[in-house]
Amino acid sequence: MKIRIEPQPDEQRRNPLGVKRWPTWSAGVSRFPWTYGEAETCYILEGEVVVTPDDGEPVILKTGNLATFPAGMSCTWDIKQAIRKYYRFG
């Protein structure tokens, strides 16, 4: 299972997705395990996190990245700089 990352997608990519209408989530520097019950797409508004899938290589997400996490993936989130993101499940 892989995390798909689009670095710095422009508004022509983000607007049709309705990113600005998605809920937001934020967290301070921390480390925790997470399992995705369903796919999630998120757009990083600020911060930096290293996400390490249980069966894969670490991925760094930074401000301006659009990322998609597959349903069923278990991973560890290691937030390096306080993070704020838009997100959508499904």
Protein backbone atom coordinates (compact mmCIF):
# COMPACT_ATOMS: atom_id res chain seq x y z
CA MET A 1 0.00 0.00 0.00
CA LYS A 2 1.44 3.31 -1.05
CA ILE A 3 0.83 6.92 -0.16
CA ARG A 4 0.30 9.01 -3.29
CA ILE A 5 1.75 12.54 -3.09
CA GLU A 6 1.22 15.47 -5.42
CA PRO A 7 3.73 18.19 -4.52
CA GLN A 8 2.33 21.72 -4.82
CA PRO A 9 -0.80 21.08 -6.94
CA ASP A 10 -2.18 24.31 -8.36
CA GLU A 11 -5.70 25.67 -7.93
CA GLN A 12 -6.82 24.12 -11.23
CA ARG A 13 -6.14 20.74 -9.59
CA ARG A 14 -7.44 21.59 -6.09
CA ASN A 15 -10.61 23.54 -6.95
CA PRO A 16 -12.48 20.68 -8.69
CA LEU A 17 -11.80 18.54 -5.60
CA GLY A 18 -13.45 21.17 -3.37
CA VAL A 19 -10.44 21.21 -1.04
CA LYS A 20 -11.41 24.52 0.62
CA ARG A 21 -14.76 23.01 1.64
CA TRP A 22 -13.19 20.02 3.42
CA PRO A 23 -12.94 19.98 7.22
CA THR A 24 -9.61 20.88 8.83
CA TRP A 25 -7.52 19.00 11.36
CA SER A 26 -4.49 20.15 13.28
CA ALA A 27 -2.02 18.70 15.76
CA GLY A 28 1.18 19.72 17.49
CA VAL A 29 4.49 17.93 17.45
CA SER A 30 3.72 14.31 18.34
CA ARG A 31 4.03 10.69 17.25
CA PHE A 32 1.18 8.17 17.04
CA PRO A 33 -0.01 5.07 15.16
CA TRP A 34 -2.92 5.34 12.73
CA THR A 35 -4.97 2.95 10.59
CA TYR A 36 -7.10 4.18 7.70
CA GLY A 37 -10.53 2.54 7.75
CA GLU A 38 -11.23 4.24 4.42
CA ALA A 39 -9.14 6.19 1.94
CA GLU A 40 -8.22 9.75 2.90
CA THR A 41 -7.10 12.64 0.72
CA CYS A 42 -5.56 15.62 2.46
CA TYR A 43 -3.97 18.94 1.58
CA ILE A 44 -1.28 20.17 3.97
CA LEU A 45 -1.85 23.82 4.87
CA GLU A 46 1.16 24.10 7.16
CA GLY A 47 3.70 21.95 8.96
CA GLU A 48 5.66 18.80 8.30
CA VAL A 49 5.04 15.14 9.09
CA VAL A 50 6.85 11.89 8.37
CA VAL A 51 4.36 9.10 7.71
CA THR A 52 5.78 5.57 7.83
CA PRO A 53 3.53 2.76 6.58
CA ASP A 54 3.93 -0.45 8.60
CA ASP A 55 5.01 -2.23 5.42
CA GLY A 56 6.80 0.58 3.60
CA GLU A 57 9.20 3.47 3.44
CA PRO A 58 8.75 6.81 5.25
CA VAL A 59 7.16 9.66 3.31
CA ILE A 60 7.61 13.34 4.18
CA LEU A 61 4.58 15.60 3.77
CA LYS A 62 5.03 19.37 3.86
CA THR A 63 3.03 22.52 3.35
CA GLY A 64 1.38 22.47 -0.07
CA ASN A 65 1.36 18.69 -0.58
CA LEU A 66 -1.79 16.82 -1.60
CA ALA A 67 -1.67 13.23 -0.36
CA THR A 68 -3.90 10.19 -0.65
CA PHE A 69 -3.74 7.35 1.88
CA PRO A 70 -5.24 3.98 0.88
CA ALA A 71 -7.97 2.30 2.91
CA GLY A 72 -6.60 -0.34 5.27
CA MET A 73 -3.12 1.16 5.58
CA SER A 74 -1.56 1.18 9.05
CA CYS A 75 1.21 3.66 9.69
CA THR A 76 2.93 5.92 12.19
CA TRP A 77 2.54 9.69 12.04
CA ASP A 78 5.61 11.58 13.34
CA ILE A 79 4.69 15.27 13.30
CA LYS A 80 7.90 17.31 13.15
CA GLN A 81 6.28 20.77 12.88
CA ALA A 82 2.72 21.54 14.03
CA ILE A 83 0.43 20.51 11.20
CA ARG A 84 -2.85 21.78 9.81
CA LYS A 85 -4.59 20.12 6.90
CA TYR A 86 -7.80 19.90 4.92
CA TYR A 87 -9.00 16.30 4.67
CA ARG A 88 -11.66 14.15 3.06
CA PHE A 89 -12.47 10.48 3.64
CA GLY A 90 -13.83 8.22 0.95
